[in-house]
C-alpha atoms as a PDB file:
ATOM      1  CA  UNK A   1     -23.601  10.617  -1.703  1.00  0.00           C
ATOM      2  CA  UNK A   2     -20.153  11.765  -0.685  1.00  0.00           C
ATOM      3  CA  UNK A   3     -16.948  12.065  -2.612  1.00  0.00           C
ATOM      4  CA  UNK A   4     -15.547   8.851  -4.035  1.00  0.00           C
ATOM      5  CA  UNK A   5     -11.798   8.528  -3.612  1.00  0.00           C
ATOM      6  CA  UNK A   6      -9.406   5.976  -5.049  1.00  0.00           C
ATOM      7  CA  UNK A   7      -6.502   4.784  -2.941  1.00  0.00           C
ATOM      8  CA  UNK A   8      -4.148   1.854  -2.611  1.00  0.00           C
ATOM      9  CA  UNK A   9      -5.724  -1.107  -0.819  1.00  0.00           C
ATOM     10  CA  UNK A  10      -4.492  -2.154   2.608  1.00  0.00           C
ATOM     11  CA  UNK A  11      -4.662  -5.521   4.344  1.00  0.00           C
ATOM     12  CA  UNK A  12      -7.362  -4.091   6.626  1.00  0.00           C
ATOM     13  CA  UNK A  13      -9.596  -3.685   3.529  1.00  0.00           C
ATOM     14  CA  UNK A  14      -9.645  -7.439   2.876  1.00  0.00           C
ATOM     15  CA  UNK A  15     -12.908  -8.090   4.723  1.00  0.00           C
ATOM     16  CA  UNK A  16     -14.827  -5.421   2.816  1.00  0.00           C
ATOM     17  CA  UNK A  17     -13.278  -6.536  -0.484  1.00  0.00           C
ATOM     18  CA  UNK A  18     -14.297 -10.124   0.253  1.00  0.00           C
ATOM     19  CA  UNK A  19     -17.881  -8.973   0.884  1.00  0.00           C
ATOM     20  CA  UNK A  20     -17.861  -7.322  -2.564  1.00  0.00           C
ATOM     21  CA  UNK A  21     -16.260 -10.407  -4.164  1.00  0.00           C
ATOM     22  CA  UNK A  22     -18.518 -13.052  -2.586  1.00  0.00           C
ATOM     23  CA  UNK A  23     -21.634 -12.472  -4.754  1.00  0.00           C
ATOM     24  CA  UNK A  24     -19.513 -12.736  -7.899  1.00  0.00           C
ATOM     25  CA  UNK A  25     -18.223 -16.133  -6.739  1.00  0.00           C
ATOM     26  CA  UNK A  26     -21.527 -17.467  -5.430  1.00  0.00           C
ATOM     27  CA  UNK A  27     -23.936 -16.086  -8.030  1.00  0.00           C
ATOM     28  CA  UNK A  28     -21.935 -15.879 -11.289  1.00  0.00           C
ATOM     29  CA  UNK A  29     -19.226 -17.689 -13.224  1.00  0.00           C
ATOM     30  CA  UNK A  30     -17.162 -14.513 -13.693  1.00  0.00           C
ATOM     31  CA  UNK A  31     -14.461 -15.393 -11.147  1.00  0.00           C
ATOM     32  CA  UNK A  32     -13.773 -18.987 -12.190  1.00  0.00           C
ATOM     33  CA  UNK A  33     -14.016 -19.908  -8.482  1.00  0.00           C
ATOM     34  CA  UNK A  34     -16.616 -22.106  -6.815  1.00  0.00           C
ATOM     35  CA  UNK A  35     -16.084 -20.961  -3.220  1.00  0.00           C
ATOM     36  CA  UNK A  36     -15.157 -17.652  -1.641  1.00  0.00           C
ATOM     37  CA  UNK A  37     -11.510 -17.900  -0.613  1.00  0.00           C
ATOM     38  CA  UNK A  38     -10.808 -17.685   3.127  1.00  0.00           C
ATOM     39  CA  UNK A  39      -9.392 -14.395   4.366  1.00  0.00           C
ATOM     40  CA  UNK A  40      -5.787 -15.707   4.683  1.00  0.00           C
ATOM     41  CA  UNK A  41      -5.865 -16.757   1.003  1.00  0.00           C
ATOM     42  CA  UNK A  42      -7.378 -13.425  -0.038  1.00  0.00           C
ATOM     43  CA  UNK A  43      -4.660 -11.554   1.871  1.00  0.00           C
ATOM     44  CA  UNK A  44      -1.999 -13.836   0.363  1.00  0.00           C
ATOM     45  CA  UNK A  45      -3.211 -12.835  -3.121  1.00  0.00           C
ATOM     46  CA  UNK A  46      -2.799  -9.181  -2.181  1.00  0.00           C
ATOM     47  CA  UNK A  47       0.698  -9.880  -0.843  1.00  0.00           C
ATOM     48  CA  UNK A  48       1.747 -11.762  -4.011  1.00  0.00           C
ATOM     49  CA  UNK A  49       0.708  -8.816  -6.172  1.00  0.00           C
ATOM     50  CA  UNK A  50       2.505  -6.396  -3.897  1.00  0.00           C
ATOM     51  CA  UNK A  51       5.658  -8.538  -4.007  1.00  0.00           C
ATOM     52  CA  UNK A  52       5.450  -8.391  -7.806  1.00  0.00           C
ATOM     53  CA  UNK A  53       5.128  -4.585  -7.653  1.00  0.00           C
ATOM     54  CA  UNK A  54       1.516  -4.653  -8.844  1.00  0.00           C
ATOM     55  CA  UNK A  55      -1.271  -2.524  -7.365  1.00  0.00           C
ATOM     56  CA  UNK A  56      -4.555  -3.201  -5.621  1.00  0.00           C
ATOM     57  CA  UNK A  57      -6.811  -0.133  -5.547  1.00  0.00           C
ATOM     58  CA  UNK A  58     -10.068   0.588  -3.737  1.00  0.00           C
ATOM     59  CA  UNK A  59     -12.851   3.090  -4.366  1.00  0.00           C
ATOM     60  CA  UNK A  60     -14.109   4.492  -1.075  1.00  0.00           C
ATOM     61  CA  UNK A  61     -17.003   6.752  -0.128  1.00  0.00           C
ATOM     62  CA  UNK A  62     -17.677   7.885   3.438  1.00  0.00           C
ATOM     63  CA  UNK A  63     -15.545   5.038   4.820  1.00  0.00           C
ATOM     64  CA  UNK A  64     -17.295   2.311   2.818  1.00  0.00           C
ATOM     65  CA  UNK A  65     -15.653   0.442  -0.039  1.00  0.00           C
ATOM     66  CA  UNK A  66     -17.605   0.576  -3.277  1.00  0.00           C
ATOM     67  CA  UNK A  67     -15.216  -1.514  -5.311  1.00  0.00           C
ATOM     68  CA  UNK A  68     -11.671  -2.611  -5.896  1.00  0.00           C
ATOM     69  CA  UNK A  69      -9.304  -3.353  -8.740  1.00  0.00           C
ATOM     70  CA  UNK A  70      -6.019  -5.180  -8.997  1.00  0.00           C
ATOM     71  CA  UNK A  71      -3.380  -6.361 -11.398  1.00  0.00           C
ATOM     72  CA  UNK A  72      -1.743  -9.776 -11.023  1.00  0.00           C
ATOM     73  CA  UNK A  73       0.963 -11.495 -13.013  1.00  0.00           C
ATOM     74  CA  UNK A  74      -0.562 -13.390 -15.900  1.00  0.00           C
ATOM     75  CA  UNK A  75       2.038 -16.135 -15.782  1.00  0.00           C
ATOM     76  CA  UNK A  76       5.255 -16.928 -13.959  1.00  0.00           C
ATOM     77  CA  UNK A  77       7.383 -17.744 -17.017  1.00  0.00           C
ATOM     78  CA  UNK A  78       9.827 -15.114 -18.259  1.00  0.00           C
ATOM     79  CA  UNK A  79       7.821 -14.518 -21.415  1.00  0.00           C
ATOM     80  CA  UNK A  80       4.925 -13.182 -19.317  1.00  0.00           C
ATOM     81  CA  UNK A  81       7.041 -10.592 -17.465  1.00  0.00           C
ATOM     82  CA  UNK A  82       5.193  -7.705 -19.131  1.00  0.00           C
ATOM     83  CA  UNK A  83       1.689  -9.205 -19.003  1.00  0.00           C
ATOM     84  CA  UNK A  84      -0.883  -8.817 -16.237  1.00  0.00           C
ATOM     85  CA  UNK A  85      -4.420  -9.928 -15.556  1.00  0.00           C
ATOM     86  CA  UNK A  86      -6.652  -7.115 -14.331  1.00  0.00           C
ATOM     87  CA  UNK A  87      -9.888  -7.361 -12.372  1.00  0.00           C
ATOM     88  CA  UNK A  88     -12.452  -4.909 -11.047  1.00  0.00           C
ATOM     89  CA  UNK A  89     -15.267  -5.791  -8.653  1.00  0.00           C
ATOM     90  CA  UNK A  90     -18.011  -3.374  -7.588  1.00  0.00           C
ATOM     91  CA  UNK A  91     -20.632  -3.401  -4.865  1.00  0.00           C
ATOM     92  CA  UNK A  92     -24.290  -3.048  -5.885  1.00  0.00           C
ATOM     93  CA  UNK A  93     -24.184   0.600  -4.722  1.00  0.00           C
ATOM     94  CA  UNK A  94     -21.417   1.384  -7.201  1.00  0.00           C
ATOM     95  CA  UNK A  95     -23.122   0.201 -10.382  1.00  0.00           C
ATOM     96  CA  UNK A  96     -23.869   2.894 -12.941  1.00  0.00           C
ATOM     97  CA  UNK A  97     -21.664   5.502 -11.265  1.00  0.00           C
ATOM     98  CA  UNK A  98     -18.568   5.105 -13.505  1.00  0.00           C
ATOM     99  CA  UNK A  99     -16.556   3.825 -10.546  1.00  0.00           C
ATOM    100  CA  UNK A 100     -15.406   0.775 -12.506  1.00  0.00           C
ATOM    101  CA  UNK A 101     -14.208   3.072 -15.276  1.00  0.00           C
ATOM    102  CA  UNK A 102     -12.277   5.171 -12.767  1.00  0.00           C
ATOM    103  CA  UNK A 103     -10.713   2.078 -11.168  1.00  0.00           C
ATOM    104  CA  UNK A 104      -9.707   0.604 -14.542  1.00  0.00           C
ATOM    105  CA  UNK A 105      -8.311   3.939 -15.687  1.00  0.00           C
ATOM    106  CA  UNK A 106      -6.165   4.348 -12.574  1.00  0.00           C
ATOM    107  CA  UNK A 107      -5.076   0.693 -12.606  1.00  0.00           C
ATOM    108  CA  UNK A 108      -4.067   0.688 -16.268  1.00  0.00           C
ATOM    109  CA  UNK A 109      -2.203   3.970 -15.867  1.00  0.00           C
ATOM    110  CA  UNK A 110      -0.210   2.518 -12.952  1.00  0.00           C
ATOM    111  CA  UNK A 111       0.731  -0.732 -14.706  1.00  0.00           C
ATOM    112  CA  UNK A 112       1.560   1.135 -17.900  1.00  0.00           C
ATOM    113  CA  UNK A 113       4.040   3.310 -16.003  1.00  0.00           C
ATOM    114  CA  UNK A 114       5.648   0.105 -14.755  1.00  0.00           C
ATOM    115  CA  UNK A 115       6.309  -0.954 -18.326  1.00  0.00           C
ATOM    116  CA  UNK A 116       3.539  -3.550 -18.568  1.00  0.00           C
ATOM    117  CA  UNK A 117       2.567  -3.968 -22.219  1.00  0.00           C
ATOM    118  CA  UNK A 118      -0.492  -6.239 -22.015  1.00  0.00           C
ATOM    119  CA  UNK A 119      -3.374  -6.289 -19.548  1.00  0.00           C
ATOM    120  CA  UNK A 120      -5.849  -9.151 -19.816  1.00  0.00           C
ATOM    121  CA  UNK A 121      -9.296  -9.454 -18.302  1.00  0.00           C
ATOM    122  CA  UNK A 122     -11.010 -12.803 -18.390  1.00  0.00           C
ATOM    123  CA  UNK A 123     -11.615 -13.412 -22.107  1.00  0.00           C
ATOM    124  CA  UNK A 124     -10.451  -9.967 -23.189  1.00  0.00           C
ATOM    125  CA  UNK A 125      -7.022  -8.462 -23.694  1.00  0.00           C
ATOM    126  CA  UNK A 126      -5.941  -4.827 -23.753  1.00  0.00           C
ATOM    127  CA  UNK A 127      -2.674  -3.993 -25.496  1.00  0.00           C
ATOM    128  CA  UNK A 128      -1.230  -0.924 -23.824  1.00  0.00           C
ATOM    129  CA  UNK A 129       0.432   1.710 -26.005  1.00  0.00           C
ATOM    130  CA  UNK A 130       4.214   1.885 -26.089  1.00  0.00           C
ATOM    131  CA  UNK A 131       4.031   5.614 -25.369  1.00  0.00           C
ATOM    132  CA  UNK A 132       2.350   4.874 -21.998  1.00  0.00           C
ATOM    133  CA  UNK A 133      -0.474   7.336 -22.557  1.00  0.00           C
ATOM    134  CA  UNK A 134      -3.635   5.699 -21.266  1.00  0.00           C
ATOM    135  CA  UNK A 135      -6.763   7.807 -21.666  1.00  0.00           C
ATOM    136  CA  UNK A 136      -9.265   6.709 -18.978  1.00  0.00           C
ATOM    137  CA  UNK A 137     -12.284   7.875 -21.003  1.00  0.00           C
ATOM    138  CA  UNK A 138     -11.589   5.078 -23.461  1.00  0.00           C
ATOM    139  CA  UNK A 139     -12.411   2.480 -20.819  1.00  0.00           C
ATOM    140  CA  UNK A 140     -16.116   3.312 -20.836  1.00  0.00           C
ATOM    141  CA  UNK A 141     -16.494   1.783 -24.287  1.00  0.00           C
ATOM    142  CA  UNK A 142     -17.939  -1.732 -24.628  1.00  0.00           C
ATOM    143  CA  UNK A 143     -15.672  -4.745 -25.235  1.00  0.00           C
ATOM    144  CA  UNK A 144     -14.720  -5.438 -28.820  1.00  0.00           C
ATOM    145  CA  UNK A 145     -13.832  -1.904 -29.900  1.00  0.00           C
ATOM    146  CA  UNK A 146     -10.489  -0.680 -31.178  1.00  0.00           C
ATOM    147  CA  UNK A 147      -8.867   2.724 -30.746  1.00  0.00           C
ATOM    148  CA  UNK A 148      -5.350   4.121 -30.869  1.00  0.00           C
ATOM    149  CA  UNK A 149      -4.899   3.945 -27.116  1.00  0.00           C
ATOM    150  CA  UNK A 150      -6.272   0.499 -26.215  1.00  0.00           C
ATOM    151  CA  UNK A 151      -7.188  -2.386 -28.454  1.00  0.00           C
ATOM    152  CA  UNK A 152      -9.667  -4.927 -27.042  1.00  0.00           C
ATOM    153  CA  UNK A 153      -9.719  -8.356 -28.589  1.00  0.00           C
ATOM    154  CA  UNK A 154     -11.567 -11.490 -27.600  1.00  0.00           C
ATOM    155  CA  UNK A 155      -9.421 -14.504 -27.024  1.00  0.00           C
END
């Protein structure tokens, strides 16, 4: 195994990200989708996030993508201006290597610096601290826990 690096995603990464995403769509209910989106739609999602100033990150090892994470606006109404939905998807090779933790840590740190106050993931919500001091180690805890830095709540 080589060194895993995190970097901002590029449009050229879309194909590899779609390959990671496809099993989640086709074999689980985690994505809320019933078909893998076509590449133009996938790229359009990346562009919408970028236009909103929100990041897409990838974890890469020896030229292969192991996973990706992104933040997207939670809603378009003014009241949601400081809320995002966050997602992380990992390839089978990335499981158990703390790559998801690293991606979430980097993603939450970036959106926190942008002034985002709430990051939601599926049925969970993380309230980011006003002091913008995310501690990535906290992300390895299971859902449902509370700490000074991030509070997870079902809902």
